Amino acid sequence: MDKAEDIVRQESRKRFLDVAEEVLKRFILLPENPEPERKGCYICVMTKPGPKIFLVAELGNCGITKADKYFNLSQEKVHRLLSHGHFSSWQSRDISDGKYGGAITAPLDSQGYAEGQKMAIGISGFTEEGDEAVALVIGLALKWIVLADAELITGISGNKLFIPLMEACADLFE
């Protein structure tokens, strides 16, 4: 990787984290958030094909007792999503085997930016619906996915937190 590519990559990470942290703040304050006492999560972004880790970070504060669990689950969700060729980790969800929802990528026919076809986002730290809602709103804010993609994904999960969070973050889509 040359110096210019490295600068672009660092700027991309900073932009991603700025958006992710803002969405997280709004999710925590969301009246529909079923567990407002949870103040953080781990986020994992992997590139495809690969998968190759682009970023793993703690957003907010998960607390020491849950950090390892959420760190590992955020990565497992994205890796599973990509290894199955799905666009929602709910498509391979199996609670009895410790496999949860909360990772997304753009469907193949997405009209979002090309990055959406190259990246997948996994979150762990909230309820499955909360993890997925935060990932979806981040994807929408970055234009990696479009609303039709989010509706397809939430149609699989039955996510009731996405719309309220999207509305709370409407200014991020401008």
Protein backbone atom coordinates (compact mmCIF):
# COMPACT_ATOMS: atom_id res chain seq x y z
CA MET A 1 0.00 0.00 0.00
CA ASP A 2 1.47 3.37 -0.97
CA LYS A 3 1.30 6.51 1.19
CA ALA A 4 -1.75 7.95 -0.66
CA GLU A 5 -3.72 4.70 -0.19
CA ASP A 6 -2.78 4.65 3.50
CA ILE A 7 -4.03 8.26 3.96
CA VAL A 8 -7.34 7.42 2.24
CA ARG A 9 -7.73 4.32 4.40
CA GLN A 10 -7.10 6.32 7.61
CA GLU A 11 -9.58 9.03 6.54
CA SER A 12 -12.14 6.33 5.73
CA ARG A 13 -11.74 4.82 9.19
CA LYS A 14 -12.07 8.21 10.86
CA ARG A 15 -15.23 9.06 8.88
CA PHE A 16 -16.68 5.62 9.64
CA LEU A 17 -16.00 5.95 13.37
CA ASP A 18 -17.39 9.50 13.51
CA VAL A 19 -20.67 8.30 11.98
CA ALA A 20 -20.76 5.14 14.12
CA GLU A 21 -20.22 7.04 17.36
CA GLU A 22 -23.00 9.51 16.53
CA VAL A 23 -25.45 6.71 15.69
CA LEU A 24 -24.49 4.91 18.91
CA LYS A 25 -25.18 8.02 21.04
CA ARG A 26 -28.61 8.39 19.51
CA PHE A 27 -29.43 4.70 19.90
CA ILE A 28 -28.58 4.74 23.61
CA LEU A 29 -30.97 7.69 24.11
CA LEU A 30 -33.72 6.22 21.93
CA PRO A 31 -36.96 5.81 23.94
CA GLU A 32 -37.57 2.46 22.18
CA ASN A 33 -34.17 1.09 23.26
CA PRO A 34 -35.13 -1.89 25.44
CA GLU A 35 -31.87 -1.87 27.44
CA PRO A 36 -30.71 1.75 27.85
CA GLU A 37 -28.32 0.69 30.61
CA ARG A 38 -26.06 -0.79 27.91
CA LYS A 39 -23.71 2.02 26.92
CA GLY A 40 -21.45 0.47 24.31
CA CYS A 41 -20.73 -2.19 21.73
CA TYR A 42 -18.00 -3.63 19.58
CA ILE A 43 -18.13 -2.99 15.88
CA CYS A 44 -16.32 -5.04 13.27
CA VAL A 45 -16.02 -4.11 9.61
CA MET A 46 -14.62 -6.65 7.18
CA THR A 47 -13.88 -6.28 3.52
CA LYS A 48 -14.92 -8.79 0.92
CA PRO A 49 -13.78 -10.88 -0.76
CA GLY A 50 -11.63 -12.22 1.98
CA PRO A 51 -12.89 -11.61 4.49
CA LYS A 52 -10.24 -9.24 5.82
CA ILE A 53 -10.67 -7.06 8.91
CA PHE A 54 -10.86 -3.35 8.08
CA LEU A 55 -11.66 -2.21 11.61
CA VAL A 56 -12.60 -3.54 15.05
CA ALA A 57 -13.38 -0.98 17.73
CA GLU A 58 -15.24 -0.47 20.97
CA LEU A 59 -17.86 2.27 20.69
CA GLY A 60 -18.98 3.75 23.97
CA ASN A 61 -18.19 1.55 26.96
CA CYS A 62 -19.07 -2.15 27.02
CA GLY A 63 -17.72 -2.69 30.49
CA ILE A 64 -14.89 -5.04 31.36
CA THR A 65 -17.11 -8.07 31.99
CA LYS A 66 -18.64 -8.06 28.48
CA ALA A 67 -15.79 -6.67 26.34
CA ASP A 68 -14.29 -10.02 25.27
CA LYS A 69 -17.69 -11.52 24.48
CA TYR A 70 -18.81 -8.56 22.34
CA PHE A 71 -15.39 -8.27 20.68
CA ASN A 72 -15.57 -11.90 19.55
CA LEU A 73 -19.27 -11.90 18.63
CA SER A 74 -18.93 -8.80 16.42
CA GLN A 75 -16.30 -10.61 14.37
CA GLU A 76 -18.12 -13.95 14.33
CA LYS A 77 -21.28 -12.33 12.98
CA VAL A 78 -19.50 -10.67 10.05
CA HIS A 79 -17.35 -13.68 9.25
CA ARG A 80 -20.40 -15.95 9.25
CA LEU A 81 -22.38 -13.52 7.13
CA LEU A 82 -19.66 -13.37 4.49
CA SER A 83 -18.83 -17.07 4.56
CA HIS A 84 -22.48 -17.91 3.84
CA GLY A 85 -22.80 -15.24 1.14
CA HIS A 86 -25.75 -13.65 2.96
CA PHE A 87 -26.59 -9.97 3.46
CA SER A 88 -28.03 -10.39 6.99
CA SER A 89 -26.62 -12.52 9.79
CA TRP A 90 -30.24 -13.32 10.67
CA GLN A 91 -30.18 -15.61 7.63
CA SER A 92 -27.83 -17.96 9.51
CA ARG A 93 -28.95 -17.15 13.05
CA ASP A 94 -28.93 -20.11 15.45
CA ILE A 95 -29.27 -19.06 19.07
CA SER A 96 -28.75 -22.63 20.32
CA ASP A 97 -25.29 -22.51 18.70
CA GLY A 98 -24.47 -18.94 19.86
CA LYS A 99 -25.01 -17.40 16.42
CA TYR A 100 -26.90 -14.13 16.58
CA GLY A 101 -28.21 -11.40 14.31
CA GLY A 102 -26.50 -8.03 14.11
CA ALA A 103 -24.35 -8.03 10.95
CA ILE A 104 -25.29 -6.65 7.55
CA THR A 105 -23.91 -6.01 4.09
CA ALA A 106 -25.44 -4.67 0.91
CA PRO A 107 -27.49 -7.15 -1.11
CA LEU A 108 -26.03 -7.88 -4.56
CA ASP A 109 -28.61 -5.67 -6.30
CA SER A 110 -28.13 -2.70 -3.95
CA GLN A 111 -28.19 0.81 -5.38
CA GLY A 112 -25.89 2.07 -2.59
CA TYR A 113 -22.28 3.14 -3.07
CA ALA A 114 -19.81 0.50 -4.21
CA GLU A 115 -18.31 0.36 -0.71
CA GLY A 116 -21.49 -1.37 0.42
CA GLN A 117 -20.69 -4.27 -1.88
CA LYS A 118 -17.16 -4.46 -0.47
CA MET A 119 -17.81 -4.09 3.27
CA ALA A 120 -19.81 -5.81 5.99
CA ILE A 121 -20.64 -4.39 9.43
CA GLY A 122 -21.16 -6.45 12.56
CA ILE A 123 -22.13 -5.12 15.97
CA SER A 124 -22.41 -6.78 19.36
CA GLY A 125 -23.34 -5.17 22.65
CA PHE A 126 -27.07 -4.53 22.50
CA THR A 127 -30.05 -6.75 21.75
CA GLU A 128 -29.84 -8.39 18.33
CA GLU A 129 -32.35 -5.89 17.00
CA GLY A 130 -30.34 -3.02 18.48
CA ASP A 131 -27.11 -4.33 16.97
CA GLU A 132 -28.76 -4.63 13.57
CA ALA A 133 -30.49 -1.23 13.75
CA VAL A 134 -27.20 0.53 14.55
CA ALA A 135 -25.42 -1.29 11.70
CA LEU A 136 -28.22 -0.43 9.25
CA VAL A 137 -28.28 3.26 10.15
CA ILE A 138 -24.48 3.47 9.86
CA GLY A 139 -24.74 1.81 6.44
CA LEU A 140 -27.46 4.25 5.37
CA ALA A 141 -25.57 7.30 6.63
CA LEU A 142 -22.48 6.23 4.67
CA LYS A 143 -24.69 5.38 1.67
CA TRP A 144 -23.32 1.82 1.63
CA ILE A 145 -26.94 0.68 1.54
CA VAL A 146 -30.20 2.31 0.53
CA LEU A 147 -33.57 2.24 2.27
CA ALA A 148 -34.81 -0.65 0.11
CA ASP A 149 -31.84 -2.74 1.34
CA ALA A 150 -32.62 -1.91 4.96
CA GLU A 151 -36.27 -2.82 4.44
CA LEU A 152 -35.24 -6.17 2.92
CA ILE A 153 -32.95 -6.89 5.87
CA THR A 154 -35.49 -5.85 8.52
CA GLY A 155 -38.09 -7.94 6.72
CA ILE A 156 -35.99 -10.98 7.66
CA SER A 157 -35.38 -9.99 11.27
CA GLY A 158 -38.67 -8.24 12.05
CA ASN A 159 -36.60 -5.42 13.55
CA LYS A 160 -38.76 -2.83 15.35
CA LEU A 161 -35.86 -0.55 16.38
CA PHE A 162 -34.63 0.39 12.92
CA ILE A 163 -37.34 2.92 11.97
CA PRO A 164 -37.19 4.87 15.26
CA LEU A 165 -33.38 5.00 15.08
CA MET A 166 -33.43 5.99 11.42
CA GLU A 167 -35.83 8.83 12.27
CA ALA A 168 -33.61 9.94 15.17
CA CYS A 169 -30.65 10.06 12.77
CA ALA A 170 -32.41 11.68 9.79
CA ASP A 171 -29.95 14.60 9.69
CA LEU A 172 -27.07 12.16 9.09
CA PHE A 173 -28.51 11.19 5.69
CA GLU A 174 -28.18 14.65 4.13
